[in-house]
Every structure is written in C-alpha cells, then in structure tokens.
Amino acid sequence: MKKLLIAPLAAAALALAGFVPSATGTATAGGDGMATVAATASCKSLTALSTVHVRKSASTRSTSLRLWYKGTKGCDIKGVDGGSYKNTCGIDSYHYWRKVNYRGTVGYVPNVCVKYS
C-alpha cells in the first residue's frame, strides 16, 4: 500500500522541481533546474519604474541582454556599486546598481529604475 502512495508523490515532487524523466528512466534537470526553483522561492520582488536595459555588467557601456518593461516584476539578487549613469529614471547622476533576475535573464539595472514591490 505504501509503495502505491509514494511513487505518485515522488513523481509530482520531481516535476515541481523541474526534473523530467529521460529515456533511460532516470530523472534529469529540466530547462529551469533546481537553481531557478530555489531562487524563485526566496525572491525579493522588484517592479521596473520605466523600461530599462538589463545589462551584462554594472555599466552603461555593458552589453544589453534584454529590456525590462515598465510595471513588470523581477527578482532582486543584490546591490552593487558600479559605473555611473546620468539622466536615468529622473536622476541626474548616480552609480548604484541592482543585480536582478528578470524572466530568466540575470543582469544589472540602475538602482533608481526599480522599486521593491
């Protein structure tokens, strides 16, 4: 009786964690994996105050990885001191950035362009 209850529960737990069965019958990590599940569970939610570039490093000269659209939410990872930016989100000049995860893209945005939500 116990075996009948454990198998479906184990399969459901693996599916929620992002693991999918492979052809060999063993579980493998799906596209998102456990790191994304863990990061999402402890996410400090941020909302973009305007549309802003998510950059590869904390600098306006860094490559833009994607746009983060005004009013949408992402996850805060940590604050970092970086390159200065001017005339951004209504602030004349500042140099503090947020490392964020926005829809699976991890990068940096100016601190003044996001707020905790």
PDB file of N, CA and C in Angstrom:
ATOM      1  N   MET A   1       0.812  -1.194   0.000  1.00  0.00           N
ATOM      2  CA  MET A   1       0.000   0.000   0.000  1.00  0.00           C
ATOM      3  C   MET A   1       0.853   1.254   0.000  1.00  0.00           C
ATOM      4  N   LYS A   2       1.922   1.273   0.821  1.00  0.00           N
ATOM      5  CA  LYS A   2       2.783   2.450   0.908  1.00  0.00           C
ATOM      6  C   LYS A   2       3.464   2.736  -0.427  1.00  0.00           C
ATOM      7  N   LYS A   3       3.877   1.697  -1.149  1.00  0.00           N
ATOM      8  CA  LYS A   3       4.541   1.878  -2.432  1.00  0.00           C
ATOM      9  C   LYS A   3       3.613   2.550  -3.433  1.00  0.00           C
ATOM     10  N   LEU A   4       2.344   2.236  -3.372  1.00  0.00           N
ATOM     11  CA  LEU A   4       1.378   2.838  -4.286  1.00  0.00           C
ATOM     12  C   LEU A   4       1.230   4.340  -4.042  1.00  0.00           C
ATOM     13  N   LEU A   5       1.399   4.785  -2.818  1.00  0.00           N
ATOM     14  CA  LEU A   5       1.276   6.207  -2.490  1.00  0.00           C
ATOM     15  C   LEU A   5       2.572   6.972  -2.720  1.00  0.00           C
ATOM     16  N   ILE A   6       3.705   6.348  -2.519  1.00  0.00           N
ATOM     17  CA  ILE A   6       4.998   7.028  -2.620  1.00  0.00           C
ATOM     18  C   ILE A   6       5.356   7.358  -4.066  1.00  0.00           C
ATOM     19  N   ALA A   7       5.137   6.458  -4.997  1.00  0.00           N
ATOM     20  CA  ALA A   7       5.529   6.679  -6.388  1.00  0.00           C
ATOM     21  C   ALA A   7       4.880   7.927  -6.994  1.00  0.00           C
ATOM     22  N   PRO A   8       3.558   8.125  -6.877  1.00  0.00           N
ATOM     23  CA  PRO A   8       2.966   9.344  -7.447  1.00  0.00           C
ATOM     24  C   PRO A   8       3.454  10.612  -6.754  1.00  0.00           C
ATOM     25  N   LEU A   9       3.655  10.545  -5.436  1.00  0.00           N
ATOM     26  CA  LEU A   9       4.156  11.710  -4.710  1.00  0.00           C
ATOM     27  C   LEU A   9       5.580  12.063  -5.150  1.00  0.00           C
ATOM     28  N   ALA A  10       6.415  11.060  -5.322  1.00  0.00           N
ATOM     29  CA  ALA A  10       7.790  11.292  -5.769  1.00  0.00           C
ATOM     30  C   ALA A  10       7.806  11.874  -7.175  1.00  0.00           C
ATOM     31  N   ALA A  11       6.957  11.362  -8.061  1.00  0.00           N
ATOM     32  CA  ALA A  11       6.885  11.871  -9.437  1.00  0.00           C
ATOM     33  C   ALA A  11       6.422  13.323  -9.444  1.00  0.00           C
ATOM     34  N   ALA A  12       5.442  13.646  -8.611  1.00  0.00           N
ATOM     35  CA  ALA A  12       4.950  15.021  -8.536  1.00  0.00           C
ATOM     36  C   ALA A  12       6.020  15.957  -7.998  1.00  0.00           C
ATOM     37  N   ALA A  13       6.768  15.524  -6.979  1.00  0.00           N
ATOM     38  CA  ALA A  13       7.836  16.347  -6.414  1.00  0.00           C
ATOM     39  C   ALA A  13       8.923  16.608  -7.448  1.00  0.00           C
ATOM     40  N   LEU A  14       9.294  15.593  -8.211  1.00  0.00           N
ATOM     41  CA  LEU A  14      10.311  15.775  -9.252  1.00  0.00           C
ATOM     42  C   LEU A  14       9.820  16.737 -10.338  1.00  0.00           C
ATOM     43  N   ALA A  15       8.565  16.636 -10.710  1.00  0.00           N
ATOM     44  CA  ALA A  15       8.013  17.521 -11.738  1.00  0.00           C
ATOM     45  C   ALA A  15       8.007  18.966 -11.256  1.00  0.00           C
ATOM     46  N   LEU A  16       7.630  19.199 -10.007  1.00  0.00           N
ATOM     47  CA  LEU A  16       7.620  20.559  -9.456  1.00  0.00           C
ATOM     48  C   LEU A  16       9.028  21.141  -9.372  1.00  0.00           C
ATOM     49  N   ALA A  17      10.010  20.284  -9.143  1.00  0.00           N
ATOM     50  CA  ALA A  17      11.387  20.741  -9.027  1.00  0.00           C
ATOM     51  C   ALA A  17      12.051  20.930 -10.382  1.00  0.00           C
ATOM     52  N   GLY A  18      11.360  20.627 -11.470  1.00  0.00           N
ATOM     53  CA  GLY A  18      11.927  20.837 -12.794  1.00  0.00           C
ATOM     54  C   GLY A  18      12.627  19.620 -13.366  1.00  0.00           C
ATOM     55  N   PHE A  19      12.492  18.489 -12.720  1.00  0.00           N
ATOM     56  CA  PHE A  19      13.105  17.278 -13.229  1.00  0.00           C
ATOM     57  C   PHE A  19      12.101  16.538 -14.098  1.00  0.00           C
ATOM     58  N   VAL A  20      12.599  16.005 -15.201  1.00  0.00           N
ATOM     59  CA  VAL A  20      11.748  15.253 -16.113  1.00  0.00           C
ATOM     60  C   VAL A  20      12.374  13.896 -16.365  1.00  0.00           C
ATOM     61  N   PRO A  21      11.569  12.865 -16.550  1.00  0.00           N
ATOM     62  CA  PRO A  21      12.149  11.544 -16.810  1.00  0.00           C
ATOM     63  C   PRO A  21      12.807  11.497 -18.182  1.00  0.00           C
ATOM     64  N   SER A  22      13.926  10.804 -18.273  1.00  0.00           N
ATOM     65  CA  SER A  22      14.612  10.637 -19.558  1.00  0.00           C
ATOM     66  C   SER A  22      14.272   9.265 -20.130  1.00  0.00           C
ATOM     67  N   ALA A  23      14.791   8.964 -21.304  1.00  0.00           N
ATOM     68  CA  ALA A  23      14.521   7.681 -21.954  1.00  0.00           C
ATOM     69  C   ALA A  23      15.062   6.509 -21.141  1.00  0.00           C
ATOM     70  N   THR A  24      16.085   6.735 -20.325  1.00  0.00           N
ATOM     71  CA  THR A  24      16.671   5.655 -19.535  1.00  0.00           C
ATOM     72  C   THR A  24      15.914   5.415 -18.242  1.00  0.00           C
ATOM     73  N   GLY A  25      14.926   6.278 -17.947  1.00  0.00           N
ATOM     74  CA  GLY A  25      14.145   6.097 -16.738  1.00  0.00           C
ATOM     75  C   GLY A  25      14.672   6.881 -15.550  1.00  0.00           C
ATOM     76  N   THR A  26      15.788   7.572 -15.705  1.00  0.00           N
ATOM     77  CA  THR A  26      16.319   8.382 -14.611  1.00  0.00           C
ATOM     78  C   THR A  26      15.840   9.820 -14.768  1.00  0.00           C
ATOM     79  N   ALA A  27      15.804  10.544 -13.687  1.00  0.00           N
ATOM     80  CA  ALA A  27      15.350  11.934 -13.727  1.00  0.00           C
ATOM     81  C   ALA A  27      16.523  12.851 -14.058  1.00  0.00           C
ATOM     82  N   THR A  28      16.293  13.808 -14.936  1.00  0.00           N
ATOM     83  CA  THR A  28      17.310  14.781 -15.289  1.00  0.00           C
ATOM     84  C   THR A  28      16.747  16.176 -15.094  1.00  0.00           C
ATOM     85  N   ALA A  29      17.615  17.154 -14.936  1.00  0.00           N
ATOM     86  CA  ALA A  29      17.161  18.525 -14.726  1.00  0.00           C
ATOM     87  C   ALA A  29      16.552  19.060 -15.996  1.00  0.00           C
ATOM     88  N   GLY A  30      15.409  19.736 -15.851  1.00  0.00           N
ATOM     89  CA  GLY A  30      14.764  20.381 -16.984  1.00  0.00           C
ATOM     90  C   GLY A  30      15.446  21.696 -17.290  1.00  0.00           C
ATOM     91  N   GLY A  31      14.856  22.500 -18.174  1.00  0.00           N
ATOM     92  CA  GLY A  31      15.454  23.755 -18.598  1.00  0.00           C
ATOM     93  C   GLY A  31      15.712  24.733 -17.464  1.00  0.00           C
ATOM     94  N   ASP A  32      14.811  24.789 -16.489  1.00  0.00           N
ATOM     95  CA  ASP A  32      14.963  25.754 -15.411  1.00  0.00           C
ATOM     96  C   ASP A  32      15.830  25.216 -14.283  1.00  0.00           C
ATOM     97  N   GLY A  33      15.740  23.953 -13.955  1.00  0.00           N
ATOM     98  CA  GLY A  33      16.565  23.327 -12.945  1.00  0.00           C
ATOM     99  C   GLY A  33      16.249  23.779 -11.531  1.00  0.00           C
ATOM    100  N   MET A  34      16.957  23.187 -10.577  1.00  0.00           N
ATOM    101  CA  MET A  34      16.731  23.464  -9.164  1.00  0.00           C
ATOM    102  C   MET A  34      17.159  24.874  -8.774  1.00  0.00           C
ATOM    103  N   ALA A  35      18.196  25.422  -9.400  1.00  0.00           N
ATOM    104  CA  ALA A  35      18.667  26.753  -9.028  1.00  0.00           C
ATOM    105  C   ALA A  35      17.567  27.791  -9.217  1.00  0.00           C
ATOM    106  N   THR A  36      16.809  27.691 -10.304  1.00  0.00           N
ATOM    107  CA  THR A  36      15.724  28.633 -10.555  1.00  0.00           C
ATOM    108  C   THR A  36      14.626  28.468  -9.533  1.00  0.00           C
ATOM    109  N   VAL A  37      14.294  27.222  -9.184  1.00  0.00           N
ATOM    110  CA  VAL A  37      13.261  26.978  -8.186  1.00  0.00           C
ATOM    111  C   VAL A  37      13.677  27.588  -6.857  1.00  0.00           C
ATOM    112  N   ALA A  38      14.941  27.377  -6.456  1.00  0.00           N
ATOM    113  CA  ALA A  38      15.428  27.916  -5.187  1.00  0.00           C
ATOM    114  C   ALA A  38      15.450  29.440  -5.221  1.00  0.00           C
ATOM    115  N   ALA A  39      15.885  30.017  -6.329  1.00  0.00           N
ATOM    116  CA  ALA A  39      15.955  31.475  -6.437  1.00  0.00           C
ATOM    117  C   ALA A  39      14.565  32.090  -6.397  1.00  0.00           C
ATOM    118  N   THR A  40      13.600  31.455  -7.044  1.00  0.00           N
ATOM    119  CA  THR A  40      12.241  31.976  -7.069  1.00  0.00           C
ATOM    120  C   THR A  40      11.621  31.931  -5.679  1.00  0.00           C
ATOM    121  N   ALA A  41      11.938  30.890  -4.915  1.00  0.00           N
ATOM    122  CA  ALA A  41      11.359  30.753  -3.585  1.00  0.00           C
ATOM    123  C   ALA A  41      11.793  31.880  -2.660  1.00  0.00           C
ATOM    124  N   SER A  42      12.986  32.422  -2.840  1.00  0.00           N
ATOM    125  CA  SER A  42      13.493  33.475  -1.964  1.00  0.00           C
ATOM    126  C   SER A  42      13.555  34.826  -2.674  1.00  0.00           C
ATOM    127  N   CYS A  43      12.739  35.033  -3.673  1.00  0.00           N
ATOM    128  CA  CYS A  43      12.766  36.243  -4.489  1.00  0.00           C
ATOM    129  C   CYS A  43      12.260  37.456  -3.726  1.00  0.00           C
ATOM    130  N   LYS A  44      13.043  38.545  -3.780  1.00  0.00           N
ATOM    131  CA  LYS A  44      12.574  39.842  -3.304  1.00  0.00           C
ATOM    132  C   LYS A  44      12.082  40.558  -4.553  1.00  0.00           C
ATOM    133  N   SER A  45      10.805  40.742  -4.645  1.00  0.00           N
ATOM    134  CA  SER A  45      10.180  41.251  -5.867  1.00  0.00           C
ATOM    135  C   SER A  45      10.485  42.729  -6.104  1.00  0.00           C
ATOM    136  N   LEU A  46      10.856  43.042  -7.351  1.00  0.00           N
ATOM    137  CA  LEU A  46      11.097  44.420  -7.794  1.00  0.00           C
ATOM    138  C   LEU A  46      10.167  44.733  -8.959  1.00  0.00           C
ATOM    139  N   THR A  47       9.778  45.991  -9.077  1.00  0.00           N
ATOM    140  CA  THR A  47       8.982  46.454 -10.206  1.00  0.00           C
ATOM    141  C   THR A  47       9.769  47.542 -10.919  1.00  0.00           C
ATOM    142  N   ALA A  48       9.804  47.478 -12.253  1.00  0.00           N
ATOM    143  CA  ALA A  48      10.505  48.496 -13.044  1.00  0.00           C
ATOM    144  C   ALA A  48       9.683  49.784 -13.067  1.00  0.00           C
ATOM    145  N   LEU A  49      10.337  50.919 -12.786  1.00  0.00           N
ATOM    146  CA  LEU A  49       9.668  52.216 -12.799  1.00  0.00           C
ATOM    147  C   LEU A  49       9.579  52.793 -14.202  1.00  0.00           C
ATOM    148  N   SER A  50      10.456  52.325 -15.093  1.00  0.00           N
ATOM    149  CA  SER A  50      10.408  52.676 -16.512  1.00  0.00           C
ATOM    150  C   SER A  50      11.045  51.526 -17.271  1.00  0.00           C
ATOM    151  N   THR A  51      10.898  51.507 -18.579  1.00  0.00           N
ATOM    152  CA  THR A  51      11.545  50.461 -19.369  1.00  0.00           C
ATOM    153  C   THR A  51      13.049  50.699 -19.314  1.00  0.00           C
ATOM    154  N   VAL A  52      13.798  49.655 -18.987  1.00  0.00           N
ATOM    155  CA  VAL A  52      15.232  49.794 -18.747  1.00  0.00           C
ATOM    156  C   VAL A  52      15.971  48.579 -19.326  1.00  0.00           C
ATOM    157  N   HIS A  53      17.230  48.786 -19.710  1.00  0.00           N
ATOM    158  CA  HIS A  53      18.070  47.688 -20.209  1.00  0.00           C
ATOM    159  C   HIS A  53      18.606  46.872 -19.039  1.00  0.00           C
ATOM    160  N   VAL A  54      18.519  45.537 -19.144  1.00  0.00           N
ATOM    161  CA  VAL A  54      19.185  44.630 -18.215  1.00  0.00           C
ATOM    162  C   VAL A  54      20.548  44.376 -18.847  1.00  0.00           C
ATOM    163  N   ARG A  55      21.609  44.775 -18.156  1.00  0.00           N
ATOM    164  CA  ARG A  55      22.956  44.739 -18.742  1.00  0.00           C
ATOM    165  C   ARG A  55      23.812  43.608 -18.179  1.00  0.00           C
ATOM    166  N   LYS A  56      24.808  43.228 -18.959  1.00  0.00           N
ATOM    167  CA  LYS A  56      25.711  42.129 -18.607  1.00  0.00           C
ATOM    168  C   LYS A  56      26.549  42.464 -17.373  1.00  0.00           C
ATOM    169  N   SER A  57      26.955  43.715 -17.224  1.00  0.00           N
ATOM    170  CA  SER A  57      27.684  44.160 -16.035  1.00  0.00           C
ATOM    171  C   SER A  57      27.134  45.515 -15.608  1.00  0.00           C
ATOM    172  N   ALA A  58      27.547  46.001 -14.460  1.00  0.00           N
ATOM    173  CA  ALA A  58      27.024  47.236 -13.881  1.00  0.00           C
ATOM    174  C   ALA A  58      27.662  48.468 -14.526  1.00  0.00           C
ATOM    175  N   SER A  59      27.362  48.660 -15.802  1.00  0.00           N
ATOM    176  CA  SER A  59      27.909  49.790 -16.554  1.00  0.00           C
ATOM    177  C   SER A  59      26.984  50.089 -17.730  1.00  0.00           C
ATOM    178  N   THR A  60      26.823  51.365 -18.048  1.00  0.00           N
ATOM    179  CA  THR A  60      26.002  51.735 -19.204  1.00  0.00           C
ATOM    180  C   THR A  60      26.682  51.355 -20.509  1.00  0.00           C
ATOM    181  N   ARG A  61      27.967  51.082 -20.463  1.00  0.00           N
ATOM    182  CA  ARG A  61      28.699  50.650 -21.667  1.00  0.00           C
ATOM    183  C   ARG A  61      28.630  49.141 -21.877  1.00  0.00           C
ATOM    184  N   SER A  62      28.069  48.438 -20.919  1.00  0.00           N
ATOM    185  CA  SER A  62      27.960  46.986 -20.989  1.00  0.00           C
ATOM    186  C   SER A  62      26.865  46.577 -21.980  1.00  0.00           C
ATOM    187  N   THR A  63      26.984  45.376 -22.494  1.00  0.00           N
ATOM    188  CA  THR A  63      26.013  44.824 -23.432  1.00  0.00           C
ATOM    189  C   THR A  63      24.637  44.721 -22.792  1.00  0.00           C
ATOM    190  N   SER A  64      23.616  45.142 -23.533  1.00  0.00           N
ATOM    191  CA  SER A  64      22.237  44.984 -23.082  1.00  0.00           C
ATOM    192  C   SER A  64      21.788  43.560 -23.383  1.00  0.00           C
ATOM    193  N   LEU A  65      21.317  42.844 -22.359  1.00  0.00           N
ATOM    194  CA  LEU A  65      20.868  41.470 -22.532  1.00  0.00           C
ATOM    195  C   LEU A  65      19.404  41.400 -22.949  1.00  0.00           C
ATOM    196  N   ARG A  66      18.590  42.353 -22.479  1.00  0.00           N
ATOM    197  CA  ARG A  66      17.174  42.425 -22.819  1.00  0.00           C
ATOM    198  C   ARG A  66      16.595  43.691 -22.203  1.00  0.00           C
ATOM    199  N   LEU A  67      15.364  44.007 -22.551  1.00  0.00           N
ATOM    200  CA  LEU A  67      14.652  45.119 -21.938  1.00  0.00           C
ATOM    201  C   LEU A  67      13.766  44.608 -20.810  1.00  0.00           C
ATOM    202  N   TRP A  68      13.702  45.389 -19.740  1.00  0.00           N
ATOM    203  CA  TRP A  68      12.772  45.130 -18.638  1.00  0.00           C
ATOM    204  C   TRP A  68      11.712  46.213 -18.757  1.00  0.00           C
ATOM    205  N   TYR A  69      10.482  45.818 -19.001  1.00  0.00           N
ATOM    206  CA  TYR A  69       9.419  46.767 -19.314  1.00  0.00           C
ATOM    207  C   TYR A  69       8.772  47.368 -18.073  1.00  0.00           C
ATOM    208  N   LYS A  70       8.439  48.638 -18.175  1.00  0.00           N
ATOM    209  CA  LYS A  70       7.832  49.396 -17.087  1.00  0.00           C
ATOM    210  C   LYS A  70       6.619  48.658 -16.512  1.00  0.00           C
ATOM    211  N   GLY A  71       6.582  48.588 -15.175  1.00  0.00           N
ATOM    212  CA  GLY A  71       5.451  47.984 -14.485  1.00  0.00           C
ATOM    213  C   GLY A  71       5.516  46.483 -14.309  1.00  0.00           C
ATOM    214  N   THR A  72       6.495  45.816 -14.932  1.00  0.00           N
ATOM    215  CA  THR A  72       6.606  44.365 -14.783  1.00  0.00           C
ATOM    216  C   THR A  72       7.543  44.035 -13.625  1.00  0.00           C
ATOM    217  N   LYS A  73       7.439  42.813 -13.124  1.00  0.00           N
ATOM    218  CA  LYS A  73       8.188  42.403 -11.934  1.00  0.00           C
ATOM    219  C   LYS A  73       9.356  41.493 -12.266  1.00  0.00           C
ATOM    220  N   GLY A  74      10.369  41.573 -11.418  1.00  0.00           N
ATOM    221  CA  GLY A  74      11.538  40.716 -11.490  1.00  0.00           C
ATOM    222  C   GLY A  74      12.017  40.429 -10.077  1.00  0.00           C
ATOM    223  N   CYS A  75      13.143  39.743  -9.955  1.00  0.00           N
ATOM    224  CA  CYS A  75      13.682  39.377  -8.643  1.00  0.00           C
ATOM    225  C   CYS A  75      14.993  40.100  -8.367  1.00  0.00           C
ATOM    226  N   ASP A  76      15.111  40.619  -7.156  1.00  0.00           N
ATOM    227  CA  ASP A  76      16.344  41.266  -6.704  1.00  0.00           C
ATOM    228  C   ASP A  76      17.320  40.193  -6.236  1.00  0.00           C
ATOM    229  N   ILE A  77      18.582  40.298  -6.646  1.00  0.00           N
ATOM    230  CA  ILE A  77      19.614  39.381  -6.171  1.00  0.00           C
ATOM    231  C   ILE A  77      20.497  40.094  -5.157  1.00  0.00           C
ATOM    232  N   LYS A  78      21.065  41.261  -5.549  1.00  0.00           N
ATOM    233  CA  LYS A  78      21.866  42.050  -4.608  1.00  0.00           C
ATOM    234  C   LYS A  78      22.170  43.415  -5.210  1.00  0.00           C
ATOM    235  N   GLY A  79      22.587  44.329  -4.377  1.00  0.00           N
ATOM    236  CA  GLY A  79      23.002  45.655  -4.822  1.00  0.00           C
ATOM    237  C   GLY A  79      24.502  45.687  -5.049  1.00  0.00           C
ATOM    238  N   VAL A  80      24.932  46.450  -6.048  1.00  0.00           N
ATOM    239  CA  VAL A  80      26.364  46.574  -6.340  1.00  0.00           C
ATOM    240  C   VAL A  80      26.708  48.013  -6.703  1.00  0.00           C
ATOM    241  N   ASP A  81      27.920  48.395  -6.389  1.00  0.00           N
ATOM    242  CA  ASP A  81      28.436  49.692  -6.800  1.00  0.00           C
ATOM    243  C   ASP A  81      29.051  49.490  -8.180  1.00  0.00           C
ATOM    244  N   GLY A  82      28.723  50.347  -9.122  1.00  0.00           N
ATOM    245  CA  GLY A  82      29.223  50.154 -10.478  1.00  0.00           C
ATOM    246  C   GLY A  82      29.485  51.464 -11.171  1.00  0.00           C
ATOM    247  N   GLY A  83      29.447  51.424 -12.486  1.00  0.00           N
ATOM    248  CA  GLY A  83      29.686  52.609 -13.284  1.00  0.00           C
ATOM    249  C   GLY A  83      28.576  53.638 -13.093  1.00  0.00           C
ATOM    250  N   SER A  84      28.932  54.902 -13.205  1.00  0.00           N
ATOM    251  CA  SER A  84      27.923  55.944 -13.014  1.00  0.00           C
ATOM    252  C   SER A  84      27.006  56.039 -14.229  1.00  0.00           C
ATOM    253  N   TYR A  85      25.803  56.512 -13.992  1.00  0.00           N
ATOM    254  CA  TYR A  85      24.843  56.746 -15.064  1.00  0.00           C
ATOM    255  C   TYR A  85      24.236  58.116 -14.851  1.00  0.00           C
ATOM    256  N   LYS A  86      23.865  58.754 -15.947  1.00  0.00           N
ATOM    257  CA  LYS A  86      23.330  60.114 -15.900  1.00  0.00           C
ATOM    258  C   LYS A  86      21.966  60.166 -16.565  1.00  0.00           C
ATOM    259  N   ASN A  87      21.120  61.057 -16.048  1.00  0.00           N
ATOM    260  CA  ASN A  87      19.787  61.273 -16.617  1.00  0.00           C
ATOM    261  C   ASN A  87      19.031  59.958 -16.817  1.00  0.00           C
ATOM    262  N   THR A  88      19.038  59.135 -15.794  1.00  0.00           N
ATOM    263  CA  THR A  88      18.376  57.838 -15.851  1.00  0.00           C
ATOM    264  C   THR A  88      17.230  57.819 -14.852  1.00  0.00           C
ATOM    265  N   CYS A  89      16.041  57.500 -15.335  1.00  0.00           N
ATOM    266  CA  CYS A  89      14.852  57.372 -14.484  1.00  0.00           C
ATOM    267  C   CYS A  89      14.651  58.600 -13.591  1.00  0.00           C
ATOM    268  N   GLY A  90      14.948  59.775 -14.129  1.00  0.00           N
ATOM    269  CA  GLY A  90      14.711  61.021 -13.411  1.00  0.00           C
ATOM    270  C   GLY A  90      15.813  61.449 -12.451  1.00  0.00           C
ATOM    271  N   ILE A  91      16.930  60.716 -12.411  1.00  0.00           N
ATOM    272  CA  ILE A  91      18.043  61.060 -11.522  1.00  0.00           C
ATOM    273  C   ILE A  91      19.189  61.607 -12.366  1.00  0.00           C
ATOM    274  N   ASP A  92      19.759  62.744 -11.937  1.00  0.00           N
ATOM    275  CA  ASP A  92      20.841  63.386 -12.700  1.00  0.00           C
ATOM    276  C   ASP A  92      22.079  62.498 -12.818  1.00  0.00           C
ATOM    277  N   SER A  93      22.555  61.965 -11.700  1.00  0.00           N
ATOM    278  CA  SER A  93      23.762  61.155 -11.729  1.00  0.00           C
ATOM    279  C   SER A  93      23.802  60.241 -10.503  1.00  0.00           C
ATOM    280  N   TYR A  94      24.130  58.961 -10.715  1.00  0.00           N
ATOM    281  CA  TYR A  94      24.219  58.002  -9.617  1.00  0.00           C
ATOM    282  C   TYR A  94      25.057  56.817 -10.085  1.00  0.00           C
ATOM    283  N   HIS A  95      25.431  55.923  -9.169  1.00  0.00           N
ATOM    284  CA  HIS A  95      26.334  54.818  -9.526  1.00  0.00           C
ATOM    285  C   HIS A  95      25.962  53.481  -8.896  1.00  0.00           C
ATOM    286  N   TYR A  96      24.810  53.378  -8.265  1.00  0.00           N
ATOM    287  CA  TYR A  96      24.441  52.124  -7.615  1.00  0.00           C
ATOM    288  C   TYR A  96      23.513  51.316  -8.520  1.00  0.00           C
ATOM    289  N   TRP A  97      23.750  50.000  -8.603  1.00  0.00           N
ATOM    290  CA  TRP A  97      23.030  49.094  -9.492  1.00  0.00           C
ATOM    291  C   TRP A  97      22.413  47.963  -8.693  1.00  0.00           C
ATOM    292  N   ARG A  98      21.431  47.272  -9.269  1.00  0.00           N
ATOM    293  CA  ARG A  98      20.842  46.073  -8.696  1.00  0.00           C
ATOM    294  C   ARG A  98      21.139  44.911  -9.632  1.00  0.00           C
ATOM    295  N   LYS A  99      21.649  43.825  -9.075  1.00  0.00           N
ATOM    296  CA  LYS A  99      21.762  42.581  -9.844  1.00  0.00           C
ATOM    297  C   LYS A  99      20.397  41.923  -9.729  1.00  0.00           C
ATOM    298  N   VAL A 100      19.790  41.591 -10.867  1.00  0.00           N
ATOM    299  CA  VAL A 100      18.408  41.121 -10.891  1.00  0.00           C
ATOM    300  C   VAL A 100      18.254  39.883 -11.767  1.00  0.00           C
ATOM    301  N   ASN A 101      17.126  39.221 -11.585  1.00  0.00           N
ATOM    302  CA  ASN A 101      16.711  38.140 -12.474  1.00  0.00           C
ATOM    303  C   ASN A 101      15.366  38.574 -13.030  1.00  0.00           C
ATOM    304  N   TYR A 102      15.359  38.891 -14.314  1.00  0.00           N
ATOM    305  CA  TYR A 102      14.116  39.294 -14.971  1.00  0.00           C
ATOM    306  C   TYR A 102      13.772  38.261 -16.031  1.00  0.00           C
ATOM    307  N   ARG A 103      12.744  37.489 -15.766  1.00  0.00           N
ATOM    308  CA  ARG A 103      12.257  36.452 -16.681  1.00  0.00           C
ATOM    309  C   ARG A 103      13.369  35.518 -17.156  1.00  0.00           C
ATOM    310  N   GLY A 104      14.228  35.124 -16.222  1.00  0.00           N
ATOM    311  CA  GLY A 104      15.294  34.176 -16.524  1.00  0.00           C
ATOM    312  C   GLY A 104      16.609  34.798 -16.960  1.00  0.00           C
ATOM    313  N   THR A 105      16.636  36.106 -17.189  1.00  0.00           N
ATOM    314  CA  THR A 105      17.870  36.794 -17.558  1.00  0.00           C
ATOM    315  C   THR A 105      18.448  37.449 -16.314  1.00  0.00           C
ATOM    316  N   VAL A 106      19.683  37.087 -15.969  1.00  0.00           N
ATOM    317  CA  VAL A 106      20.357  37.685 -14.819  1.00  0.00           C
ATOM    318  C   VAL A 106      21.285  38.774 -15.329  1.00  0.00           C
ATOM    319  N   GLY A 107      21.121  39.979 -14.787  1.00  0.00           N
ATOM    320  CA  GLY A 107      21.943  41.101 -15.203  1.00  0.00           C
ATOM    321  C   GLY A 107      21.782  42.266 -14.243  1.00  0.00           C
ATOM    322  N   TYR A 108      22.147  43.453 -14.694  1.00  0.00           N
ATOM    323  CA  TYR A 108      22.199  44.634 -13.839  1.00  0.00           C
ATOM    324  C   TYR A 108      21.333  45.754 -14.402  1.00  0.00           C
ATOM    325  N   VAL A 109      20.651  46.443 -13.491  1.00  0.00           N
ATOM    326  CA  VAL A 109      19.845  47.611 -13.853  1.00  0.00           C
ATOM    327  C   VAL A 109      20.175  48.744 -12.882  1.00  0.00           C
ATOM    328  N   PRO A 110      20.022  50.007 -13.317  1.00  0.00           N
ATOM    329  CA  PRO A 110      20.241  51.118 -12.383  1.00  0.00           C
ATOM    330  C   PRO A 110      19.291  51.016 -11.193  1.00  0.00           C
ATOM    331  N   ASN A 111      19.816  51.194 -10.008  1.00  0.00           N
ATOM    332  CA  ASN A 111      19.050  51.089  -8.777  1.00  0.00           C
ATOM    333  C   ASN A 111      17.844  52.020  -8.772  1.00  0.00           C
ATOM    334  N   VAL A 112      17.949  53.211  -9.347  1.00  0.00           N
ATOM    335  CA  VAL A 112      16.873  54.192  -9.298  1.00  0.00           C
ATOM    336  C   VAL A 112      15.722  53.850 -10.232  1.00  0.00           C
ATOM    337  N   CYS A 113      15.878  52.825 -11.073  1.00  0.00           N
ATOM    338  CA  CYS A 113      14.839  52.452 -12.032  1.00  0.00           C
ATOM    339  C   CYS A 113      13.923  51.332 -11.565  1.00  0.00           C
ATOM    340  N   VAL A 114      14.148  50.845 -10.341  1.00  0.00           N
ATOM    341  CA  VAL A 114      13.322  49.769  -9.801  1.00  0.00           C
ATOM    342  C   VAL A 114      12.923  50.107  -8.368  1.00  0.00           C
ATOM    343  N   LYS A 115      11.825  49.488  -7.922  1.00  0.00           N
ATOM    344  CA  LYS A 115      11.404  49.642  -6.522  1.00  0.00           C
ATOM    345  C   LYS A 115      10.924  48.291  -6.020  1.00  0.00           C
ATOM    346  N   TYR A 116      11.046  48.087  -4.710  1.00  0.00           N
ATOM    347  CA  TYR A 116      10.551  46.850  -4.111  1.00  0.00           C
ATOM    348  C   TYR A 116       9.041  46.848  -4.180  1.00  0.00           C
ATOM    349  N   SER A 117       8.476  45.700  -4.532  1.00  0.00           N
ATOM    350  CA  SER A 117       7.022  45.613  -4.661  1.00  0.00           C
ATOM    351  C   SER A 117       6.457  44.482  -3.827  1.00  0.00           C
TER     352      SER A 117
END
